[in-house]
Amino acid sequence: MWISFAGIGAFAVAALMVAISHTKLTGWFATLVRLIAFIIFLFGTVIMIFVVVSGPTGG
């Protein structure tokens, strides 16, 4: 359960970073922030794929 929260948090952080880079930042720094946000988004995607593939646990 906690790892899925980390994935959701990664998606939220990436979305906030992209929103800030579009509204507040310009130039190469905005591009750098978007690149970092994309890497965080990929990290969240890997976590979510792991959570979905692992499936429900018996209990």
N, C-alpha and C. Protein backbone atom coordinates (compact mmCIF):
# COMPACT_ATOMS: atom_id res chain seq x y z
N MET A 1 0.82 -1.19 0.00
CA MET A 1 0.00 0.00 0.00
C MET A 1 0.87 1.26 0.00
N TRP A 2 1.92 1.26 0.81
CA TRP A 2 2.74 2.46 0.92
C TRP A 2 3.49 2.75 -0.36
N ILE A 3 3.88 1.69 -1.08
CA ILE A 3 4.60 1.94 -2.33
C ILE A 3 3.66 2.57 -3.36
N SER A 4 2.38 2.23 -3.32
CA SER A 4 1.44 2.87 -4.25
C SER A 4 1.27 4.36 -3.92
N PHE A 5 1.33 4.69 -2.64
CA PHE A 5 1.28 6.11 -2.26
C PHE A 5 2.50 6.85 -2.78
N ALA A 6 3.65 6.19 -2.80
CA ALA A 6 4.85 6.82 -3.36
C ALA A 6 4.67 7.08 -4.85
N GLY A 7 4.05 6.15 -5.56
CA GLY A 7 3.79 6.34 -6.98
C GLY A 7 2.82 7.49 -7.22
N ILE A 8 1.76 7.56 -6.44
CA ILE A 8 0.80 8.65 -6.56
C ILE A 8 1.48 9.98 -6.25
N GLY A 9 2.31 9.98 -5.22
CA GLY A 9 3.05 11.20 -4.88
C GLY A 9 3.99 11.64 -5.98
N ALA A 10 4.63 10.66 -6.64
CA ALA A 10 5.53 10.99 -7.74
C ALA A 10 4.76 11.63 -8.88
N PHE A 11 3.57 11.09 -9.19
CA PHE A 11 2.73 11.70 -10.23
C PHE A 11 2.34 13.13 -9.86
N ALA A 12 1.97 13.34 -8.59
CA ALA A 12 1.57 14.68 -8.15
C ALA A 12 2.74 15.67 -8.22
N VAL A 13 3.91 15.24 -7.79
CA VAL A 13 5.09 16.12 -7.85
C VAL A 13 5.44 16.46 -9.29
N ALA A 14 5.37 15.46 -10.17
CA ALA A 14 5.67 15.70 -11.58
C ALA A 14 4.68 16.68 -12.19
N ALA A 15 3.40 16.52 -11.87
CA ALA A 15 2.38 17.43 -12.41
C ALA A 15 2.59 18.86 -11.91
N LEU A 16 2.92 19.01 -10.64
CA LEU A 16 3.18 20.35 -10.10
C LEU A 16 4.41 20.98 -10.74
N MET A 17 5.44 20.18 -10.95
CA MET A 17 6.65 20.71 -11.57
C MET A 17 6.39 21.18 -12.99
N VAL A 18 5.60 20.42 -13.75
CA VAL A 18 5.29 20.83 -15.12
C VAL A 18 4.43 22.10 -15.11
N ALA A 19 3.46 22.16 -14.21
CA ALA A 19 2.62 23.35 -14.12
C ALA A 19 3.44 24.59 -13.78
N ILE A 20 4.36 24.46 -12.84
CA ILE A 20 5.20 25.59 -12.46
C ILE A 20 6.13 25.97 -13.60
N SER A 21 6.67 24.99 -14.30
CA SER A 21 7.60 25.30 -15.38
C SER A 21 6.89 26.00 -16.54
N HIS A 22 5.61 25.70 -16.74
CA HIS A 22 4.87 26.37 -17.82
C HIS A 22 4.45 27.78 -17.44
N THR A 23 4.16 28.01 -16.16
CA THR A 23 3.62 29.31 -15.77
C THR A 23 4.67 30.29 -15.24
N LYS A 24 5.66 29.80 -14.52
CA LYS A 24 6.58 30.70 -13.83
C LYS A 24 7.98 30.76 -14.41
N LEU A 25 8.41 29.71 -15.11
CA LEU A 25 9.80 29.63 -15.53
C LEU A 25 9.93 29.80 -17.04
N THR A 26 11.11 30.21 -17.46
CA THR A 26 11.39 30.37 -18.88
C THR A 26 12.80 29.85 -19.19
N GLY A 27 13.03 29.62 -20.45
CA GLY A 27 14.38 29.29 -20.91
C GLY A 27 14.82 27.89 -20.55
N TRP A 28 16.12 27.74 -20.38
CA TRP A 28 16.71 26.43 -20.15
C TRP A 28 16.32 25.86 -18.80
N PHE A 29 16.04 26.73 -17.82
CA PHE A 29 15.67 26.24 -16.49
C PHE A 29 14.30 25.57 -16.53
N ALA A 30 13.39 26.12 -17.32
CA ALA A 30 12.07 25.50 -17.48
C ALA A 30 12.21 24.13 -18.15
N THR A 31 13.10 24.04 -19.13
CA THR A 31 13.33 22.76 -19.80
C THR A 31 13.94 21.75 -18.83
N LEU A 32 14.85 22.18 -18.00
CA LEU A 32 15.46 21.30 -17.01
C LEU A 32 14.42 20.79 -16.01
N VAL A 33 13.55 21.67 -15.55
CA VAL A 33 12.50 21.27 -14.61
C VAL A 33 11.55 20.28 -15.27
N ARG A 34 11.21 20.50 -16.53
CA ARG A 34 10.33 19.55 -17.25
C ARG A 34 11.02 18.20 -17.42
N LEU A 35 12.30 18.19 -17.68
CA LEU A 35 13.04 16.94 -17.81
C LEU A 35 13.05 16.16 -16.49
N ILE A 36 13.30 16.85 -15.41
CA ILE A 36 13.28 16.22 -14.09
C ILE A 36 11.88 15.70 -13.78
N ALA A 37 10.85 16.48 -14.13
CA ALA A 37 9.48 16.04 -13.92
C ALA A 37 9.18 14.79 -14.73
N PHE A 38 9.70 14.70 -15.94
CA PHE A 38 9.49 13.51 -16.77
C PHE A 38 10.15 12.29 -16.14
N ILE A 39 11.33 12.46 -15.59
CA ILE A 39 12.02 11.35 -14.92
C ILE A 39 11.24 10.90 -13.70
N ILE A 40 10.72 11.84 -12.93
CA ILE A 40 9.89 11.50 -11.77
C ILE A 40 8.61 10.79 -12.22
N PHE A 41 8.03 11.25 -13.32
CA PHE A 41 6.84 10.60 -13.87
C PHE A 41 7.14 9.16 -14.27
N LEU A 42 8.29 8.92 -14.89
CA LEU A 42 8.67 7.55 -15.25
C LEU A 42 8.85 6.68 -14.01
N PHE A 43 9.42 7.25 -12.97
CA PHE A 43 9.57 6.53 -11.70
C PHE A 43 8.21 6.14 -11.14
N GLY A 44 7.26 7.06 -11.15
CA GLY A 44 5.90 6.77 -10.70
C GLY A 44 5.23 5.72 -11.55
N THR A 45 5.49 5.75 -12.86
CA THR A 45 4.92 4.76 -13.76
C THR A 45 5.44 3.37 -13.45
N VAL A 46 6.72 3.26 -13.22
CA VAL A 46 7.31 1.95 -12.87
C VAL A 46 6.71 1.43 -11.57
N ILE A 47 6.54 2.30 -10.60
CA ILE A 47 5.94 1.89 -9.33
C ILE A 47 4.51 1.41 -9.55
N MET A 48 3.73 2.13 -10.32
CA MET A 48 2.34 1.74 -10.55
C MET A 48 2.25 0.43 -11.33
N ILE A 49 3.13 0.23 -12.29
CA ILE A 49 3.14 -1.05 -13.01
C ILE A 49 3.46 -2.18 -12.04
N PHE A 50 4.42 -1.97 -11.15
CA PHE A 50 4.75 -2.98 -10.15
C PHE A 50 3.56 -3.30 -9.27
N VAL A 51 2.84 -2.27 -8.83
CA VAL A 51 1.69 -2.47 -7.94
C VAL A 51 0.59 -3.25 -8.68
N VAL A 52 0.32 -2.91 -9.93
CA VAL A 52 -0.74 -3.57 -10.67
C VAL A 52 -0.36 -5.02 -10.99
N VAL A 53 0.88 -5.25 -11.38
CA VAL A 53 1.30 -6.60 -11.76
C VAL A 53 1.36 -7.51 -10.53
N SER A 54 1.73 -6.97 -9.39
CA SER A 54 1.82 -7.81 -8.19
C SER A 54 0.45 -8.27 -7.74
N GLY A 55 -0.60 -7.55 -8.10
CA GLY A 55 -1.97 -8.00 -7.85
C GLY A 55 -2.34 -8.01 -6.39
N PRO A 56 -3.55 -8.47 -6.13
CA PRO A 56 -4.00 -8.53 -4.74
C PRO A 56 -3.29 -9.66 -3.98
N THR A 57 -3.07 -9.42 -2.72
CA THR A 57 -2.42 -10.44 -1.91
C THR A 57 -3.48 -11.27 -1.20
N GLY A 58 -3.17 -12.52 -0.97
CA GLY A 58 -4.12 -13.38 -0.26
C GLY A 58 -4.21 -12.98 1.20
N GLY A 59 -5.39 -13.02 1.73
CA GLY A 59 -5.47 -12.63 3.13
C GLY A 59 -6.79 -12.56 3.65
